[in-house]
Amino acid sequence: MGLFDGIIKKGEKEKPKKKPPAVKEAVSGKEEKPLPKDVEVIPLEEDVLAREIVKPQIRYIRKIIVTSYSDLERISEELQNGNLVLVDLSPLEIKPDILEKVVEQIKGMTSALGGQVAKVCKSEIRLLLTPEDIKLAK
């Protein structure tokens, strides 16, 4: 029983399916040129099922306000999930020594995961972090 058998009404006659010439030749054995071995003929039903199975991945842009080292773990999780992260470091402006260490940790972690870091604005300290499959044009 095929995928579309339930859709066809019982009273209607089923039209004969026409196959492309390459498929006709391959089935009948009268082909002039052999099909390349790396090309597979996929039946229509399998193609429809494959499109339904392979859905696009949903990604998010997450904003994380960093107040301590514990926020770095959340940033790492978001990058590993494939999300973009907008990091706000403005609460650490009053502690420049901690700010410098946190920025170095963020840069190291992002490069270890294969991502990129970019400063977003001049006045406030904000960084945009991307996962490895998204690249920034600088």
N, C-alpha and C. Protein backbone atom coordinates (compact mmCIF):
# COMPACT_ATOMS: atom_id res chain seq x y z
N MET A 1 0.84 -1.17 0.00
CA MET A 1 0.00 0.00 0.00
C MET A 1 0.88 1.23 0.00
N GLY A 2 0.65 2.14 -0.90
CA GLY A 2 1.48 3.33 -1.03
C GLY A 2 1.02 4.44 -0.11
N LEU A 3 1.79 5.50 -0.08
CA LEU A 3 1.53 6.63 0.79
C LEU A 3 0.27 7.38 0.37
N PHE A 4 0.00 7.45 -0.93
CA PHE A 4 -1.11 8.25 -1.43
C PHE A 4 -2.36 7.42 -1.75
N ASP A 5 -2.37 6.12 -1.44
CA ASP A 5 -3.54 5.28 -1.75
C ASP A 5 -4.78 5.74 -1.01
N GLY A 6 -4.63 6.25 0.20
CA GLY A 6 -5.78 6.69 0.97
C GLY A 6 -6.35 7.99 0.45
N ILE A 7 -5.60 8.74 -0.33
CA ILE A 7 -6.06 10.02 -0.85
C ILE A 7 -6.94 9.83 -2.08
N ILE A 8 -6.65 8.84 -2.90
CA ILE A 8 -7.40 8.60 -4.12
C ILE A 8 -8.78 8.05 -3.76
N LYS A 9 -9.80 8.63 -4.35
CA LYS A 9 -11.16 8.17 -4.07
C LYS A 9 -11.37 6.81 -4.70
N LYS A 10 -12.23 6.04 -4.08
CA LYS A 10 -12.46 4.67 -4.52
C LYS A 10 -13.06 4.61 -5.92
N GLY A 11 -13.89 5.57 -6.32
CA GLY A 11 -14.56 5.54 -7.61
C GLY A 11 -13.67 5.97 -8.75
N GLU A 12 -12.59 6.69 -8.45
CA GLU A 12 -11.72 7.18 -9.52
C GLU A 12 -10.78 6.09 -9.99
N LYS A 13 -10.49 6.13 -11.28
CA LYS A 13 -9.52 5.20 -11.82
C LYS A 13 -8.14 5.80 -11.63
N GLU A 14 -7.23 4.95 -11.33
CA GLU A 14 -5.86 5.39 -11.12
C GLU A 14 -5.18 5.50 -12.48
N LYS A 15 -4.56 6.66 -12.75
CA LYS A 15 -3.87 6.87 -14.01
C LYS A 15 -2.55 6.11 -13.99
N PRO A 16 -2.17 5.56 -15.12
CA PRO A 16 -0.87 4.88 -15.15
C PRO A 16 0.24 5.90 -14.94
N LYS A 17 1.21 5.50 -14.14
CA LYS A 17 2.33 6.39 -13.83
C LYS A 17 3.33 6.37 -14.96
N LYS A 18 3.75 7.56 -15.37
CA LYS A 18 4.75 7.68 -16.41
C LYS A 18 6.11 7.82 -15.74
N LYS A 19 7.06 7.06 -16.21
CA LYS A 19 8.40 7.12 -15.67
C LYS A 19 9.27 7.95 -16.60
N PRO A 20 10.24 8.65 -16.04
CA PRO A 20 11.17 9.39 -16.91
C PRO A 20 11.90 8.42 -17.82
N PRO A 21 12.39 8.89 -18.98
CA PRO A 21 13.05 8.00 -19.95
C PRO A 21 14.23 7.23 -19.35
N ALA A 22 15.00 7.86 -18.48
CA ALA A 22 16.17 7.18 -17.91
C ALA A 22 15.72 6.00 -17.05
N VAL A 23 14.61 6.17 -16.35
CA VAL A 23 14.10 5.09 -15.50
C VAL A 23 13.52 3.98 -16.35
N LYS A 24 12.80 4.35 -17.44
CA LYS A 24 12.24 3.35 -18.34
C LYS A 24 13.35 2.49 -18.93
N GLU A 25 14.41 3.15 -19.37
CA GLU A 25 15.52 2.42 -19.97
C GLU A 25 16.19 1.52 -18.95
N ALA A 26 16.35 2.01 -17.73
CA ALA A 26 17.02 1.21 -16.70
C ALA A 26 16.18 0.01 -16.32
N VAL A 27 14.87 0.17 -16.29
CA VAL A 27 13.99 -0.94 -15.92
C VAL A 27 13.86 -1.94 -17.06
N SER A 28 13.74 -1.43 -18.28
CA SER A 28 13.53 -2.34 -19.41
C SER A 28 14.83 -3.01 -19.87
N GLY A 29 15.95 -2.49 -19.48
CA GLY A 29 17.23 -3.09 -19.87
C GLY A 29 17.69 -2.62 -21.23
N LYS A 30 17.03 -1.65 -21.84
CA LYS A 30 17.37 -1.16 -23.17
C LYS A 30 18.14 0.15 -23.11
N GLU A 31 18.80 0.40 -22.04
CA GLU A 31 19.50 1.68 -21.91
C GLU A 31 20.73 1.72 -22.80
N GLU A 32 20.95 2.92 -23.35
CA GLU A 32 22.09 3.10 -24.22
C GLU A 32 23.34 3.41 -23.42
N LYS A 33 23.19 4.27 -22.38
CA LYS A 33 24.33 4.62 -21.53
C LYS A 33 24.03 4.09 -20.13
N PRO A 34 25.01 3.53 -19.46
CA PRO A 34 24.76 3.10 -18.08
C PRO A 34 24.67 4.30 -17.15
N LEU A 35 23.80 4.19 -16.16
CA LEU A 35 23.67 5.25 -15.17
C LEU A 35 24.92 5.27 -14.29
N PRO A 36 25.38 6.44 -13.90
CA PRO A 36 26.53 6.49 -12.99
C PRO A 36 26.18 5.78 -11.68
N LYS A 37 27.17 5.16 -11.08
CA LYS A 37 26.93 4.37 -9.87
C LYS A 37 26.58 5.24 -8.67
N ASP A 38 26.99 6.51 -8.66
CA ASP A 38 26.73 7.36 -7.51
C ASP A 38 25.36 8.04 -7.57
N VAL A 39 24.59 7.84 -8.66
CA VAL A 39 23.27 8.43 -8.80
C VAL A 39 22.22 7.39 -8.45
N GLU A 40 21.37 7.75 -7.50
CA GLU A 40 20.28 6.85 -7.12
C GLU A 40 18.96 7.45 -7.56
N VAL A 41 18.07 6.63 -8.02
CA VAL A 41 16.73 7.07 -8.37
C VAL A 41 15.88 6.91 -7.13
N ILE A 42 15.35 8.03 -6.64
CA ILE A 42 14.55 8.02 -5.42
C ILE A 42 13.08 8.08 -5.79
N PRO A 43 12.31 7.12 -5.36
CA PRO A 43 10.88 7.19 -5.64
C PRO A 43 10.25 8.42 -4.98
N LEU A 44 9.17 8.89 -5.56
CA LEU A 44 8.51 10.10 -5.09
C LEU A 44 8.10 10.00 -3.63
N GLU A 45 7.57 8.88 -3.21
CA GLU A 45 7.12 8.72 -1.83
C GLU A 45 8.26 8.91 -0.84
N GLU A 46 9.42 8.37 -1.15
CA GLU A 46 10.57 8.51 -0.26
C GLU A 46 11.05 9.95 -0.22
N ASP A 47 10.96 10.65 -1.36
CA ASP A 47 11.38 12.05 -1.42
C ASP A 47 10.49 12.91 -0.53
N VAL A 48 9.19 12.68 -0.58
CA VAL A 48 8.25 13.44 0.25
C VAL A 48 8.52 13.16 1.72
N LEU A 49 8.74 11.91 2.07
CA LEU A 49 9.03 11.56 3.46
C LEU A 49 10.33 12.20 3.93
N ALA A 50 11.33 12.24 3.07
CA ALA A 50 12.62 12.84 3.45
C ALA A 50 12.47 14.32 3.73
N ARG A 51 11.67 15.02 2.95
CA ARG A 51 11.45 16.45 3.19
C ARG A 51 10.74 16.69 4.51
N GLU A 52 9.82 15.80 4.88
CA GLU A 52 9.11 15.97 6.14
C GLU A 52 10.02 15.68 7.33
N ILE A 53 10.92 14.72 7.17
CA ILE A 53 11.81 14.35 8.27
C ILE A 53 12.86 15.42 8.51
N VAL A 54 13.42 15.97 7.45
CA VAL A 54 14.49 16.95 7.57
C VAL A 54 13.87 18.34 7.63
N LYS A 55 13.69 18.85 8.83
CA LYS A 55 13.15 20.18 9.04
C LYS A 55 14.29 21.14 9.36
N PRO A 56 14.16 22.42 9.03
CA PRO A 56 15.22 23.37 9.36
C PRO A 56 15.35 23.53 10.88
N GLN A 57 16.60 23.72 11.31
CA GLN A 57 16.87 23.87 12.73
C GLN A 57 16.50 25.29 13.16
N ILE A 58 15.82 25.41 14.27
CA ILE A 58 15.45 26.71 14.80
C ILE A 58 16.58 27.21 15.69
N ARG A 59 17.03 28.44 15.43
CA ARG A 59 18.09 29.05 16.23
C ARG A 59 17.56 30.33 16.85
N TYR A 60 18.19 30.71 17.93
CA TYR A 60 17.78 31.90 18.65
C TYR A 60 18.96 32.84 18.82
N ILE A 61 18.64 34.11 19.07
CA ILE A 61 19.64 35.07 19.52
C ILE A 61 19.33 35.33 20.98
N ARG A 62 20.23 34.91 21.86
CA ARG A 62 20.03 35.03 23.30
C ARG A 62 20.83 36.20 23.84
N LYS A 63 20.22 36.99 24.71
CA LYS A 63 20.93 38.07 25.39
C LYS A 63 21.25 37.60 26.80
N ILE A 64 22.52 37.67 27.16
CA ILE A 64 22.94 37.27 28.49
C ILE A 64 23.71 38.43 29.12
N ILE A 65 23.24 38.86 30.28
CA ILE A 65 23.93 39.91 31.03
C ILE A 65 24.87 39.23 32.00
N VAL A 66 26.16 39.51 31.84
CA VAL A 66 27.19 38.84 32.64
C VAL A 66 27.45 39.67 33.89
N THR A 67 27.23 39.02 35.05
CA THR A 67 27.52 39.68 36.33
C THR A 67 28.61 38.95 37.10
N SER A 68 28.85 37.67 36.74
CA SER A 68 29.89 36.90 37.42
C SER A 68 30.38 35.78 36.50
N TYR A 69 31.31 34.99 37.00
CA TYR A 69 31.86 33.88 36.22
C TYR A 69 30.83 32.79 35.96
N SER A 70 29.81 32.70 36.78
CA SER A 70 28.81 31.64 36.61
C SER A 70 28.00 31.80 35.32
N ASP A 71 27.93 33.02 34.79
CA ASP A 71 27.20 33.25 33.54
C ASP A 71 27.94 32.69 32.33
N LEU A 72 29.22 32.41 32.48
CA LEU A 72 30.00 31.88 31.36
C LEU A 72 29.52 30.48 30.96
N GLU A 73 29.04 29.72 31.92
CA GLU A 73 28.53 28.37 31.63
C GLU A 73 27.29 28.45 30.74
N ARG A 74 26.41 29.41 31.03
CA ARG A 74 25.21 29.60 30.22
C ARG A 74 25.55 30.01 28.80
N ILE A 75 26.57 30.86 28.66
CA ILE A 75 27.02 31.29 27.33
C ILE A 75 27.53 30.08 26.55
N SER A 76 28.31 29.25 27.20
CA SER A 76 28.85 28.06 26.56
C SER A 76 27.75 27.12 26.09
N GLU A 77 26.74 26.91 26.91
CA GLU A 77 25.62 26.04 26.55
C GLU A 77 24.88 26.56 25.32
N GLU A 78 24.65 27.87 25.28
CA GLU A 78 23.93 28.47 24.15
C GLU A 78 24.71 28.33 22.86
N LEU A 79 26.04 28.54 22.92
CA LEU A 79 26.86 28.37 21.73
C LEU A 79 26.87 26.92 21.26
N GLN A 80 26.93 25.99 22.19
CA GLN A 80 26.92 24.57 21.82
C GLN A 80 25.59 24.16 21.21
N ASN A 81 24.51 24.84 21.59
CA ASN A 81 23.19 24.55 21.00
C ASN A 81 23.02 25.20 19.64
N GLY A 82 24.01 26.00 19.19
CA GLY A 82 23.94 26.62 17.88
C GLY A 82 23.28 27.99 17.87
N ASN A 83 23.06 28.58 19.03
CA ASN A 83 22.42 29.89 19.11
C ASN A 83 23.45 31.00 19.09
N LEU A 84 23.05 32.18 18.63
CA LEU A 84 23.88 33.36 18.72
C LEU A 84 23.68 33.97 20.09
N VAL A 85 24.72 34.57 20.66
CA VAL A 85 24.64 35.12 22.01
C VAL A 85 25.08 36.58 21.98
N LEU A 86 24.23 37.45 22.49
CA LEU A 86 24.56 38.85 22.67
C LEU A 86 24.92 39.02 24.14
N VAL A 87 26.19 39.29 24.42
CA VAL A 87 26.69 39.36 25.79
C VAL A 87 26.79 40.81 26.21
N ASP A 88 26.14 41.14 27.33
CA ASP A 88 26.19 42.49 27.89
C ASP A 88 27.10 42.46 29.11
N LEU A 89 28.23 43.16 29.02
CA LEU A 89 29.22 43.19 30.10
C LEU A 89 29.18 44.49 30.89
N SER A 90 28.16 45.32 30.72
CA SER A 90 28.10 46.61 31.38
C SER A 90 28.09 46.53 32.91
N PRO A 91 27.52 45.50 33.56
CA PRO A 91 27.62 45.45 35.03
C PRO A 91 29.05 45.28 35.54
N LEU A 92 29.96 44.80 34.70
CA LEU A 92 31.35 44.59 35.12
C LEU A 92 32.25 45.79 34.83
N GLU A 93 31.69 46.88 34.31
CA GLU A 93 32.50 48.06 34.01
C GLU A 93 33.14 48.65 35.25
N ILE A 94 32.52 48.48 36.40
CA ILE A 94 33.08 49.06 37.64
C ILE A 94 34.21 48.20 38.20
N LYS A 95 34.38 47.00 37.67
CA LYS A 95 35.44 46.08 38.10
C LYS A 95 36.30 45.72 36.88
N PRO A 96 37.24 46.58 36.51
CA PRO A 96 38.00 46.34 35.27
C PRO A 96 38.85 45.08 35.29
N ASP A 97 39.36 44.68 36.44
CA ASP A 97 40.18 43.46 36.49
C ASP A 97 39.34 42.21 36.21
N ILE A 98 38.15 42.14 36.77
CA ILE A 98 37.25 41.01 36.52
C ILE A 98 36.75 41.05 35.08
N LEU A 99 36.46 42.26 34.59
CA LEU A 99 35.99 42.43 33.22
C LEU A 99 37.01 41.87 32.22
N GLU A 100 38.28 42.18 32.42
CA GLU A 100 39.32 41.71 31.52
C GLU A 100 39.42 40.18 31.53
N LYS A 101 39.33 39.59 32.71
CA LYS A 101 39.41 38.12 32.82
C LYS A 101 38.20 37.45 32.17
N VAL A 102 37.04 38.03 32.36
CA VAL A 102 35.81 37.46 31.78
C VAL A 102 35.86 37.54 30.25
N VAL A 103 36.34 38.67 29.73
CA VAL A 103 36.43 38.82 28.27
C VAL A 103 37.41 37.79 27.70
N GLU A 104 38.54 37.58 28.37
CA GLU A 104 39.50 36.58 27.90
C GLU A 104 38.90 35.17 27.95
N GLN A 105 38.13 34.87 28.99
CA GLN A 105 37.45 33.58 29.10
C GLN A 105 36.45 33.40 27.95
N ILE A 106 35.69 34.45 27.66
CA ILE A 106 34.69 34.38 26.59
C ILE A 106 35.36 34.17 25.23
N LYS A 107 36.44 34.91 24.98
CA LYS A 107 37.15 34.76 23.70
C LYS A 107 37.73 33.36 23.56
N GLY A 108 38.34 32.84 24.63
CA GLY A 108 38.92 31.50 24.58
C GLY A 108 37.88 30.42 24.38
N MET A 109 36.77 30.55 25.10
CA MET A 109 35.70 29.56 25.00
C MET A 109 35.08 29.57 23.60
N THR A 110 34.85 30.75 23.05
CA THR A 110 34.25 30.86 21.72
C THR A 110 35.17 30.30 20.64
N SER A 111 36.46 30.61 20.74
CA SER A 111 37.38 30.08 19.73
C SER A 111 37.57 28.57 19.88
N ALA A 112 37.49 28.05 21.11
CA ALA A 112 37.58 26.60 21.31
C ALA A 112 36.38 25.88 20.70
N LEU A 113 35.23 26.53 20.69
CA LEU A 113 34.03 25.94 20.09
C LEU A 113 33.95 26.22 18.59
N GLY A 114 34.92 26.97 18.05
CA GLY A 114 34.95 27.24 16.62
C GLY A 114 34.14 28.45 16.21
N GLY A 115 33.69 29.26 17.17
CA GLY A 115 32.87 30.42 16.85
C GLY A 115 33.69 31.68 16.69
N GLN A 116 32.98 32.80 16.61
CA GLN A 116 33.62 34.10 16.44
C GLN A 116 33.05 35.10 17.44
N VAL A 117 33.85 36.14 17.73
CA VAL A 117 33.45 37.20 18.65
C VAL A 117 33.56 38.54 17.93
N ALA A 118 32.56 39.41 18.14
CA ALA A 118 32.60 40.75 17.57
C ALA A 118 32.04 41.73 18.58
N LYS A 119 32.69 42.91 18.69
CA LYS A 119 32.19 43.97 19.55
C LYS A 119 31.05 44.66 18.81
N VAL A 120 29.93 44.89 19.50
CA VAL A 120 28.74 45.40 18.84
C VAL A 120 28.70 46.93 18.83
N CYS A 121 29.00 47.57 19.99
CA CYS A 121 28.92 49.02 20.04
C CYS A 121 30.09 49.59 20.84
N LYS A 122 30.35 50.88 20.66
CA LYS A 122 31.50 51.51 21.30
C LYS A 122 31.20 51.96 22.73
N SER A 123 30.04 52.55 22.96
CA SER A 123 29.76 53.15 24.26
C SER A 123 29.58 52.11 25.37
N GLU A 124 28.82 51.07 25.12
CA GLU A 124 28.63 50.02 26.11
C GLU A 124 29.43 48.81 25.71
N ILE A 125 29.70 47.97 26.67
CA ILE A 125 30.49 46.77 26.39
C ILE A 125 29.53 45.64 26.06
N ARG A 126 29.39 45.38 24.77
CA ARG A 126 28.54 44.27 24.30
C ARG A 126 29.29 43.50 23.24
N LEU A 127 29.15 42.19 23.30
CA LEU A 127 29.81 41.30 22.34
C LEU A 127 28.77 40.43 21.67
N LEU A 128 29.00 40.10 20.42
CA LEU A 128 28.15 39.15 19.69
C LEU A 128 28.98 37.90 19.47
N LEU A 129 28.49 36.76 19.95
CA LEU A 129 29.17 35.48 19.80
C LEU A 129 28.37 34.61 18.84
N THR A 130 29.08 33.98 17.91
CA THR A 130 28.41 33.12 16.95
C THR A 130 28.95 31.70 17.06
N PRO A 131 28.12 30.68 16.78
CA PRO A 131 28.61 29.30 16.76
C PRO A 131 29.48 29.06 15.54
N GLU A 132 30.04 27.86 15.43
CA GLU A 132 31.03 27.59 14.39
C GLU A 132 30.47 27.63 12.97
N ASP A 133 29.18 27.36 12.76
CA ASP A 133 28.65 27.33 11.40
C ASP A 133 28.10 28.67 10.93
N ILE A 134 28.22 29.71 11.75
CA ILE A 134 27.82 31.06 11.36
C ILE A 134 29.05 31.94 11.44
N LYS A 135 29.39 32.58 10.34
CA LYS A 135 30.59 33.43 10.28
C LYS A 135 30.20 34.90 10.16
N LEU A 136 31.02 35.75 10.76
CA LEU A 136 30.83 37.20 10.71
C LEU A 136 31.69 37.78 9.60
N ALA A 137 31.11 38.71 8.85
CA ALA A 137 31.88 39.44 7.84
C ALA A 137 32.39 40.72 8.51
N LYS A 138 33.70 40.80 8.68
CA LYS A 138 34.27 41.95 9.37
C LYS A 138 34.84 42.93 8.38
